[in-house]
Amino acid sequence: MTRGLLVGVSAFVLIACSEEAPPPKPAAEAPAAAPTPPPAPPAPVVKPEPPKPDPNKELADRVKRALEGEAKIQAAGIDVTANDGKVTLWGTAATAAERNRAARAAAKVDGVKAVENKIAVVKGS
C-alpha cells in the first residue's frame, strides 16, 4: 500500500505541477493620455523700422548749414524752422544787410519754396 500511496501521491504532484497557470487578469485600462500637441513655432522676430527722416527738419538743417557757410552772416544767432518748403528765420542780426543776406542764402537752398524773415536787427551789436 505504501507503494500504491506513493504512486498516487506522485501522480497527484505531477498532475498538479503540470497544470498551466491561469492567465493574468488584465489590469484596468488607464484612460488614454491625450497626445501632446507639437510645440508652437517660435514667434517671428520683428525688427523695428528705423524712424523715417523728417523732411522739414532736414530742410531746416540744410538752410542752417548754408547760413553757417556764409562769411558775412552770424549764423549762431539765427534759428531755422521749415514746414512744407516754407522756411522761417528767427533770431538777431547786427545789420539790415546781414538780415537780407541770410534770407537770400536761405532762398538758394534746394527745396526752399518761400522764406519768412523774422530776424530782428539789433542796433549797437
C-alpha atoms as a PDB file:
ATOM      1  CA  MET A   1       0.000   0.000   0.000  1.00  0.00           C
ATOM      2  CA  THR A   2       2.792   2.293   0.610  1.00  0.00           C
ATOM      3  CA  ARG A   3       3.838   1.730  -2.829  1.00  0.00           C
ATOM      4  CA  GLY A   4       0.345   2.458  -4.140  1.00  0.00           C
ATOM      5  CA  LEU A   5       0.132   5.512  -1.949  1.00  0.00           C
ATOM      6  CA  LEU A   6       3.475   6.691  -3.149  1.00  0.00           C
ATOM      7  CA  VAL A   7       2.467   6.238  -6.771  1.00  0.00           C
ATOM      8  CA  GLY A   8      -0.835   8.039  -6.122  1.00  0.00           C
ATOM      9  CA  VAL A   9       0.860  10.991  -4.418  1.00  0.00           C
ATOM     10  CA  SER A  10       3.471  11.159  -7.156  1.00  0.00           C
ATOM     11  CA  ALA A  11       0.787  11.150  -9.806  1.00  0.00           C
ATOM     12  CA  PHE A  12      -1.111  13.858  -7.976  1.00  0.00           C
ATOM     13  CA  VAL A  13       2.007  16.003  -7.694  1.00  0.00           C
ATOM     14  CA  LEU A  14       2.764  15.537 -11.386  1.00  0.00           C
ATOM     15  CA  ILE A  15      -0.760  16.453 -12.357  1.00  0.00           C
ATOM     16  CA  ALA A  16      -0.780  19.493 -10.045  1.00  0.00           C
ATOM     17  CA  CYS A  17       2.546  20.758 -11.363  1.00  0.00           C
ATOM     18  CA  SER A  18       1.668  20.193 -14.975  1.00  0.00           C
ATOM     19  CA  GLU A  19      -1.394  22.430 -14.967  1.00  0.00           C
ATOM     20  CA  GLU A  20      -0.943  25.737 -16.681  1.00  0.00           C
ATOM     21  CA  ALA A  21      -1.163  28.780 -14.536  1.00  0.00           C
ATOM     22  CA  PRO A  22      -4.273  30.809 -15.193  1.00  0.00           C
ATOM     23  CA  PRO A  23      -3.696  33.774 -17.478  1.00  0.00           C
ATOM     24  CA  PRO A  24      -3.024  37.028 -15.632  1.00  0.00           C
ATOM     25  CA  LYS A  25      -6.013  39.233 -15.139  1.00  0.00           C
ATOM     26  CA  PRO A  26      -5.886  42.298 -17.378  1.00  0.00           C
ATOM     27  CA  ALA A  27      -5.169  45.450 -15.432  1.00  0.00           C
ATOM     28  CA  ALA A  28      -7.843  48.068 -15.529  1.00  0.00           C
ATOM     29  CA  GLU A  29      -7.245  50.092 -18.635  1.00  0.00           C
ATOM     30  CA  ALA A  30      -5.894  53.534 -17.877  1.00  0.00           C
ATOM     31  CA  PRO A  31      -7.586  56.312 -19.798  1.00  0.00           C
ATOM     32  CA  ALA A  32      -5.679  57.089 -22.965  1.00  0.00           C
ATOM     33  CA  ALA A  33      -3.428  60.062 -22.457  1.00  0.00           C
ATOM     34  CA  ALA A  34      -4.194  62.971 -24.751  1.00  0.00           C
ATOM     35  CA  PRO A  35      -1.463  63.332 -27.330  1.00  0.00           C
ATOM     36  CA  THR A  36       0.811  66.232 -26.591  1.00  0.00           C
ATOM     37  CA  PRO A  37       0.480  68.915 -29.216  1.00  0.00           C
ATOM     38  CA  PRO A  38       3.607  69.782 -31.151  1.00  0.00           C
ATOM     39  CA  PRO A  39       5.471  72.805 -29.803  1.00  0.00           C
ATOM     40  CA  ALA A  40       4.389  76.123 -31.230  1.00  0.00           C
ATOM     41  CA  PRO A  41       6.805  77.605 -33.740  1.00  0.00           C
ATOM     42  CA  PRO A  42       8.853  80.477 -32.372  1.00  0.00           C
ATOM     43  CA  ALA A  43       7.369  83.904 -32.890  1.00  0.00           C
ATOM     44  CA  PRO A  44       8.982  85.762 -35.778  1.00  0.00           C
ATOM     45  CA  VAL A  45      11.426  88.421 -34.754  1.00  0.00           C
ATOM     46  CA  VAL A  46      10.106  91.798 -35.827  1.00  0.00           C
ATOM     47  CA  LYS A  47      12.789  94.387 -36.259  1.00  0.00           C
ATOM     48  CA  PRO A  48      11.566  97.876 -35.548  1.00  0.00           C
ATOM     49  CA  GLU A  49      11.699 100.126 -38.547  1.00  0.00           C
ATOM     50  CA  PRO A  50      14.136 102.970 -38.255  1.00  0.00           C
ATOM     51  CA  PRO A  51      12.382 106.280 -37.837  1.00  0.00           C
ATOM     52  CA  LYS A  52      11.671 107.985 -41.119  1.00  0.00           C
ATOM     53  CA  PRO A  53      13.561 111.215 -41.588  1.00  0.00           C
ATOM     54  CA  ASP A  54      11.520 114.369 -41.089  1.00  0.00           C
ATOM     55  CA  PRO A  55      11.734 116.309 -44.355  1.00  0.00           C
ATOM     56  CA  ASN A  56      11.028 119.603 -42.552  1.00  0.00           C
ATOM     57  CA  LYS A  57      13.903 119.051 -40.127  1.00  0.00           C
ATOM     58  CA  GLU A  58      16.219 118.025 -42.954  1.00  0.00           C
ATOM     59  CA  LEU A  59      15.376 121.200 -44.909  1.00  0.00           C
ATOM     60  CA  ALA A  60      15.879 123.393 -41.836  1.00  0.00           C
ATOM     61  CA  ASP A  61      19.259 121.710 -41.218  1.00  0.00           C
ATOM     62  CA  ARG A  62      20.361 122.314 -44.833  1.00  0.00           C
ATOM     63  CA  VAL A  63      19.395 126.009 -44.587  1.00  0.00           C
ATOM     64  CA  LYS A  64      21.248 126.336 -41.263  1.00  0.00           C
ATOM     65  CA  ARG A  65      24.396 124.830 -42.826  1.00  0.00           C
ATOM     66  CA  ALA A  66      24.079 127.234 -45.770  1.00  0.00           C
ATOM     67  CA  LEU A  67      23.882 130.184 -43.367  1.00  0.00           C
ATOM     68  CA  GLU A  68      26.930 128.893 -41.474  1.00  0.00           C
ATOM     69  CA  GLY A  69      28.830 128.700 -44.756  1.00  0.00           C
ATOM     70  CA  GLU A  70      28.318 132.426 -45.459  1.00  0.00           C
ATOM     71  CA  ALA A  71      31.201 134.512 -44.097  1.00  0.00           C
ATOM     72  CA  LYS A  72      29.185 137.715 -43.556  1.00  0.00           C
ATOM     73  CA  ILE A  73      26.317 136.058 -41.629  1.00  0.00           C
ATOM     74  CA  GLN A  74      26.486 135.376 -37.903  1.00  0.00           C
ATOM     75  CA  ALA A  75      24.556 132.096 -38.177  1.00  0.00           C
ATOM     76  CA  ALA A  76      24.915 131.317 -34.464  1.00  0.00           C
ATOM     77  CA  GLY A  77      22.266 133.974 -33.766  1.00  0.00           C
ATOM     78  CA  ILE A  78      19.774 132.567 -36.297  1.00  0.00           C
ATOM     79  CA  ASP A  79      17.385 129.635 -35.867  1.00  0.00           C
ATOM     80  CA  VAL A  80      15.642 127.983 -38.795  1.00  0.00           C
ATOM     81  CA  THR A  81      12.296 126.177 -38.984  1.00  0.00           C
ATOM     82  CA  ALA A  82      10.662 124.649 -42.049  1.00  0.00           C
ATOM     83  CA  ASN A  83       7.191 123.488 -42.991  1.00  0.00           C
ATOM     84  CA  ASP A  84       6.429 122.077 -46.455  1.00  0.00           C
ATOM     85  CA  GLY A  85       9.174 124.081 -48.127  1.00  0.00           C
ATOM     86  CA  LYS A  86       8.425 127.337 -46.290  1.00  0.00           C
ATOM     87  CA  VAL A  87      11.438 128.365 -44.200  1.00  0.00           C
ATOM     88  CA  THR A  88      11.257 130.803 -41.311  1.00  0.00           C
ATOM     89  CA  LEU A  89      14.378 132.536 -39.998  1.00  0.00           C
ATOM     90  CA  TRP A  90      14.379 133.591 -36.341  1.00  0.00           C
ATOM     91  CA  GLY A  91      16.959 135.421 -34.274  1.00  0.00           C
ATOM     92  CA  THR A  92      19.053 138.548 -34.496  1.00  0.00           C
ATOM     93  CA  ALA A  93      21.440 140.226 -36.935  1.00  0.00           C
ATOM     94  CA  ALA A  94      23.807 143.160 -36.464  1.00  0.00           C
ATOM     95  CA  THR A  95      22.631 144.973 -39.607  1.00  0.00           C
ATOM     96  CA  ALA A  96      19.756 145.013 -42.066  1.00  0.00           C
ATOM     97  CA  ALA A  97      22.235 143.936 -44.758  1.00  0.00           C
ATOM     98  CA  GLU A  98      23.117 140.789 -42.751  1.00  0.00           C
ATOM     99  CA  ARG A  99      19.398 140.103 -42.240  1.00  0.00           C
ATOM    100  CA  ASN A 100      18.805 140.327 -46.015  1.00  0.00           C
ATOM    101  CA  ARG A 101      21.873 138.202 -46.832  1.00  0.00           C
ATOM    102  CA  ALA A 102      20.510 135.477 -44.563  1.00  0.00           C
ATOM    103  CA  ALA A 103      17.162 135.483 -46.385  1.00  0.00           C
ATOM    104  CA  ARG A 104      18.862 135.324 -49.800  1.00  0.00           C
ATOM    105  CA  ALA A 105      21.159 132.489 -48.688  1.00  0.00           C
ATOM    106  CA  ALA A 106      18.168 130.542 -47.354  1.00  0.00           C
ATOM    107  CA  ALA A 107      16.228 131.013 -50.605  1.00  0.00           C
ATOM    108  CA  LYS A 108      19.072 129.429 -52.624  1.00  0.00           C
ATOM    109  CA  VAL A 109      18.842 126.102 -50.755  1.00  0.00           C
ATOM    110  CA  ASP A 110      17.281 123.319 -52.800  1.00  0.00           C
ATOM    111  CA  GLY A 111      13.730 122.581 -51.590  1.00  0.00           C
ATOM    112  CA  VAL A 112      13.004 126.066 -50.211  1.00  0.00           C
ATOM    113  CA  LYS A 113       9.763 127.409 -51.696  1.00  0.00           C
ATOM    114  CA  ALA A 114       9.451 130.567 -49.573  1.00  0.00           C
ATOM    115  CA  VAL A 115      11.378 132.408 -46.852  1.00  0.00           C
ATOM    116  CA  GLU A 116       9.786 134.256 -43.972  1.00  0.00           C
ATOM    117  CA  ASN A 117      12.409 136.500 -42.410  1.00  0.00           C
ATOM    118  CA  LYS A 118      11.737 137.217 -38.724  1.00  0.00           C
ATOM    119  CA  ILE A 119      15.317 138.156 -37.914  1.00  0.00           C
ATOM    120  CA  ALA A 120      15.450 141.264 -35.733  1.00  0.00           C
ATOM    121  CA  VAL A 121      18.184 143.849 -36.316  1.00  0.00           C
ATOM    122  CA  VAL A 122      19.876 144.701 -33.054  1.00  0.00           C
ATOM    123  CA  LYS A 123      21.473 148.151 -33.067  1.00  0.00           C
ATOM    124  CA  GLY A 124      24.853 148.538 -31.429  1.00  0.00           C
ATOM    125  CA  SER A 125      25.968 144.914 -31.768  1.00  0.00           C
END
